[in-house]
Protein backbone atom coordinates (compact mmCIF):
# COMPACT_ATOMS: atom_id res chain seq x y z
CA MET A 1 184.04 105.34 90.52
CA LYS A 2 186.98 106.17 88.27
CA ILE A 3 189.79 103.73 89.00
CA LEU A 4 193.42 103.67 87.87
CA ILE A 5 195.07 100.25 87.93
CA LEU A 6 198.85 100.43 87.97
CA GLY A 7 200.40 97.17 86.78
CA ALA A 8 197.25 96.16 84.92
CA ALA A 9 199.20 93.57 82.91
CA SER A 10 200.46 91.84 86.06
CA ARG A 11 199.12 88.41 86.99
CA LEU A 12 196.50 89.89 89.32
CA GLY A 13 195.61 92.85 87.11
CA PRO A 14 193.32 91.12 84.56
CA TYR A 15 191.30 89.48 87.34
CA CYS A 16 190.80 92.89 88.96
CA VAL A 17 189.59 94.26 85.63
CA SER A 18 187.04 91.46 85.31
CA ALA A 19 185.77 92.03 88.85
CA LEU A 20 185.49 95.81 88.53
CA GLU A 21 184.58 96.64 84.95
CA GLY A 22 180.83 96.09 85.31
CA ASP A 23 180.47 98.74 88.02
CA HIS A 24 183.33 101.19 87.57
CA GLU A 25 185.20 103.24 84.96
CA LEU A 26 188.70 101.86 84.53
CA ARG A 27 191.97 103.33 83.33
CA LEU A 28 194.64 100.66 82.86
CA SER A 29 198.37 101.28 82.92
CA ASP A 30 201.56 99.27 82.74
CA ILE A 31 205.10 99.47 81.42
CA VAL A 32 204.08 96.91 78.78
CA ALA A 33 201.16 97.14 76.37
CA VAL A 34 197.74 96.38 77.86
CA GLU A 35 195.25 94.84 75.45
CA SER A 36 191.82 96.01 76.57
CA ASP A 37 188.72 97.90 75.52
CA HIS A 38 189.30 100.19 78.50
CA GLU A 39 191.46 103.30 78.39
CA SER A 40 195.09 102.13 78.51
CA LEU A 41 198.29 104.06 79.15
CA HIS A 42 202.00 103.29 79.08
CA VAL A 43 203.22 104.11 82.58
CA ASP A 44 206.55 103.36 84.22
CA ILE A 45 205.84 103.57 87.94
CA SER A 46 209.44 104.63 88.57
CA SER A 47 208.54 107.94 86.85
CA LEU A 48 206.66 110.34 89.13
CA GLU A 49 205.62 112.45 86.15
CA GLN A 50 204.01 109.49 84.37
CA VAL A 51 202.20 108.27 87.48
CA ASN A 52 200.96 111.76 88.28
CA GLU A 53 199.57 112.23 84.77
CA ALA A 54 197.91 108.81 84.79
CA MET A 55 196.15 109.53 88.09
CA ALA A 56 194.53 112.79 86.98
CA GLY A 57 190.77 112.71 87.52
CA MET A 58 190.74 109.36 89.33
CA ASP A 59 188.85 108.46 92.52
CA VAL A 60 190.80 105.29 93.38
CA VAL A 61 194.20 103.87 92.52
CA ILE A 62 195.06 100.16 92.73
CA ASN A 63 198.76 99.30 92.70
CA CYS A 64 199.39 95.82 91.28
CA THR A 65 202.94 96.51 90.09
CA VAL A 66 205.68 94.07 91.01
CA GLU A 67 209.34 93.29 90.34
CA ARG A 68 210.87 90.22 91.97
CA ARG A 69 214.33 89.64 90.50
CA ASP A 70 216.34 92.62 89.28
CA ARG A 71 217.76 94.51 92.25
CA LYS A 72 217.51 98.03 90.85
CA ARG A 73 214.09 97.51 89.29
CA ALA A 74 212.81 95.88 92.49
CA PHE A 75 213.46 99.05 94.45
CA ASP A 76 212.36 101.30 91.56
CA VAL A 77 209.02 99.48 91.31
CA ASN A 78 208.28 98.11 94.78
CA ALA A 79 209.61 100.97 96.91
CA LEU A 80 210.05 104.10 94.78
CA GLY A 81 206.88 103.15 92.88
CA CYS A 82 204.90 103.29 96.12
CA TYR A 83 206.36 106.71 96.87
CA HIS A 84 205.31 107.96 93.45
CA THR A 85 201.85 106.43 93.84
CA MET A 86 201.29 108.19 97.15
CA ARG A 87 202.78 111.49 95.95
CA ALA A 88 200.48 111.41 92.92
CA ALA A 89 197.47 110.47 95.05
CA VAL A 90 198.03 113.47 97.30
CA SER A 91 198.58 115.80 94.33
CA ASN A 92 195.43 114.59 92.54
CA GLY A 93 193.17 114.43 95.58
CA VAL A 94 192.73 110.64 95.42
CA LYS A 95 191.31 109.52 98.76
CA ARG A 96 191.57 105.73 98.40
CA VAL A 97 194.78 103.85 97.56
CA ILE A 98 194.82 100.05 97.40
CA ASN A 99 198.28 98.51 97.55
CA THR A 100 198.99 94.83 96.95
CA GLY A 101 201.90 92.61 97.83
CA PRO A 102 203.07 89.26 99.18
CA HIS A 103 202.27 88.20 102.73
CA PHE A 104 205.94 88.42 103.69
CA THR A 105 205.78 92.19 103.20
CA ILE A 106 204.71 91.95 106.85
CA GLN A 107 204.74 88.27 107.84
CA GLY A 108 208.22 87.06 106.92
CA PRO A 109 210.08 83.84 107.87
CA THR A 110 210.48 84.75 111.54
CA TYR A 111 206.69 84.58 111.80
CA GLU A 112 205.83 81.94 109.22
CA ASN A 113 208.39 79.38 110.33
CA TYR A 114 207.59 79.52 114.04
CA ASP A 115 204.24 81.16 114.76
CA TYR A 116 200.53 80.44 114.53
CA GLY A 117 197.37 82.53 114.05
CA ILE A 118 199.48 85.19 112.31
CA GLY A 119 197.45 88.31 111.54
CA PRO A 120 198.09 91.42 109.45
CA GLU A 121 198.61 93.55 112.58
CA ALA A 122 201.97 91.89 113.23
CA THR A 123 205.01 94.15 113.44
CA PRO A 124 206.63 93.97 109.96
CA GLN A 125 209.44 91.41 109.75
CA PRO A 126 209.90 90.84 106.00
CA GLY A 127 213.30 89.17 106.13
CA ILE A 128 216.10 89.73 103.64
CA ASN A 129 214.56 88.39 100.42
CA LEU A 130 214.84 91.11 97.73
CA TYR A 131 211.16 90.96 96.84
CA ALA A 132 209.98 91.02 100.46
CA HIS A 133 212.41 93.70 101.57
CA SER A 134 211.62 96.12 98.74
CA LYS A 135 207.86 95.55 99.09
CA SER A 136 208.08 96.15 102.83
CA ILE A 137 209.85 99.46 102.30
CA GLY A 138 207.13 100.43 99.83
CA GLN A 139 204.39 99.57 102.29
CA GLU A 140 206.06 101.61 105.03
CA ILE A 141 206.19 104.57 102.65
CA CYS A 142 202.47 104.14 101.99
CA ARG A 143 201.72 103.92 105.72
CA VAL A 144 203.55 107.15 106.50
CA PHE A 145 201.78 108.99 103.66
CA ALA A 146 198.40 107.77 104.90
CA GLU A 147 199.14 108.92 108.44
CA HIS A 148 200.04 112.44 107.34
CA ASN A 149 197.58 113.07 104.50
CA ASP A 150 193.83 113.02 103.95
CA LEU A 151 193.58 109.62 102.28
CA HIS A 152 193.15 105.94 103.14
CA LEU A 153 195.60 103.16 102.33
CA LEU A 154 194.25 99.61 102.20
CA MET A 155 197.01 97.01 101.87
CA LEU A 156 196.05 93.53 100.66
CA LEU A 157 198.51 90.71 101.37
CA PHE A 158 198.49 87.68 99.05
CA TYR A 159 200.87 84.84 98.32
CA ILE A 160 199.94 81.70 96.36
CA PHE A 161 197.21 82.09 93.72
CA ARG A 162 195.39 79.15 92.16
CA ALA A 163 193.04 78.74 89.19
CA ASP A 164 190.67 75.85 88.51
CA ASP A 165 193.09 74.12 86.15
CA ASP A 166 196.20 74.52 88.32
CA GLY A 167 197.76 71.49 89.96
CA LYS A 168 197.72 70.83 93.68
CA PHE A 169 199.86 73.15 95.79
CA ASN A 170 199.46 73.17 99.55
CA HIS A 171 200.32 76.42 101.32
CA PRO A 172 198.69 78.11 104.34
CA HIS A 173 198.32 81.41 102.40
CA LEU A 174 196.51 79.98 99.36
CA VAL A 175 193.72 81.81 97.50
CA SER A 176 191.93 81.63 94.15
CA TRP A 177 192.32 84.36 91.56
CA ARG A 178 188.57 85.05 91.69
CA ASP A 179 188.56 85.51 95.45
CA SER A 180 191.64 87.72 95.24
CA ALA A 181 189.99 90.03 92.73
CA GLN A 182 186.83 90.13 94.83
CA ALA A 183 188.92 91.26 97.80
CA VAL A 184 190.22 94.14 95.68
CA LYS A 185 186.64 95.02 94.72
CA GLN A 186 185.58 95.00 98.36
CA ALA A 187 188.48 97.33 99.17
CA VAL A 188 187.34 99.65 96.37
CA GLU A 189 183.75 99.78 97.56
CA VAL A 190 183.96 99.56 101.37
CA ASP A 191 182.86 102.63 103.35
CA LEU A 192 186.12 104.26 104.42
CA SER A 193 184.47 105.75 107.49
CA THR A 194 184.30 102.22 108.93
CA MET A 195 188.08 101.82 108.88
CA PRO A 196 189.71 102.19 112.33
CA THR A 197 192.70 104.07 110.88
CA ARG A 198 193.79 105.55 107.56
CA CYS A 199 196.15 102.61 106.98
CA GLU A 200 194.77 99.10 107.28
CA VAL A 201 196.43 95.82 106.25
CA PHE A 202 194.48 92.68 105.32
CA SER A 203 195.52 89.05 104.81
CA ILE A 204 193.72 87.56 101.81
CA PHE A 205 193.61 83.77 101.62
CA SER A 206 191.12 80.90 101.63
CA ASP A 207 189.60 79.46 104.79
CA GLN A 208 191.81 76.62 105.98
CA PRO A 209 191.72 74.37 109.04
CA HIS A 210 195.41 74.77 109.87
CA GLY A 211 195.20 78.25 111.37
CA ARG A 212 198.73 79.32 110.47
CA PHE A 213 197.42 82.72 109.33
CA SER A 214 194.24 84.66 110.11
CA ASN A 215 191.92 86.31 107.56
CA ASP A 216 189.35 87.40 110.16
CA LYS A 217 190.13 91.10 109.74
CA ALA A 218 189.32 91.01 106.01
CA LYS A 219 185.97 89.41 106.80
CA ARG A 220 185.18 91.83 109.60
CA LEU A 221 186.19 95.14 107.99
CA LEU A 222 186.01 94.50 104.23
CA GLY A 223 183.08 92.10 104.28
CA TRP A 224 185.18 89.74 102.16
CA TYR A 225 184.57 86.01 102.42
CA PRO A 226 186.42 83.52 100.19
CA GLN A 227 183.98 81.61 97.98
CA ASP A 228 186.17 79.03 96.26
CA ASP A 229 186.77 75.73 98.04
CA LEU A 230 190.48 74.94 97.81
CA SER A 231 190.44 71.98 100.19
CA GLU A 232 191.63 69.67 97.40
CA HIS A 233 195.06 71.25 97.82
CA TRP A 234 195.54 69.98 101.38
CA THR A 235 193.42 66.82 101.42
CA ARG A 236 193.72 63.45 99.73
CA GLU A 237 191.41 60.52 99.17
CA SER A 238 191.51 58.02 102.01
């Protein structure tokens, strides 16, 4: 398939490229230069015209863009950027949109601080953090577009990423970069006719014994199973 990655220079972007490039044709885009052998474009996601042009001829779009700190840019990228992504997908006949974001896009402090077995079907309660709030608005925009247009939106929720050489960091929503990218690949390749609705949200994190969150839906519908053992982050030698 022909895939556009928005935010290809983000932290997750290069791992997605590595996971996908052997089987798919990639077009990479970001507001900063992307060093790659693949086709690369300068795209500001806050520009509908640029996003629309970048999406021409694509089968799938993956949105890895993110802005966490600047208030105006956060809404331009995380909220307006989702609107532009969905507008461009409809205009270009793209049937599969994969959006990415932090777990608190849906599962904010009112869940995380008090609940257990938290799944992606929870009613969105992002809280008031700028990053979470703007991402949640963006996801709601995507959901509405998916409900009213002939396309599927697959939302992948992440939080703490770890690589082999990273230090210990215990968190109930922990996942390796490799497993994260594989989840994106599964979302790209899964048969859309198996999805219950045109908008599905998935929690992507490693298997953990604590049970604070649930990744069962990603296993059941995407066929994604985390491969990397991260138990060193929550265990210690006796």
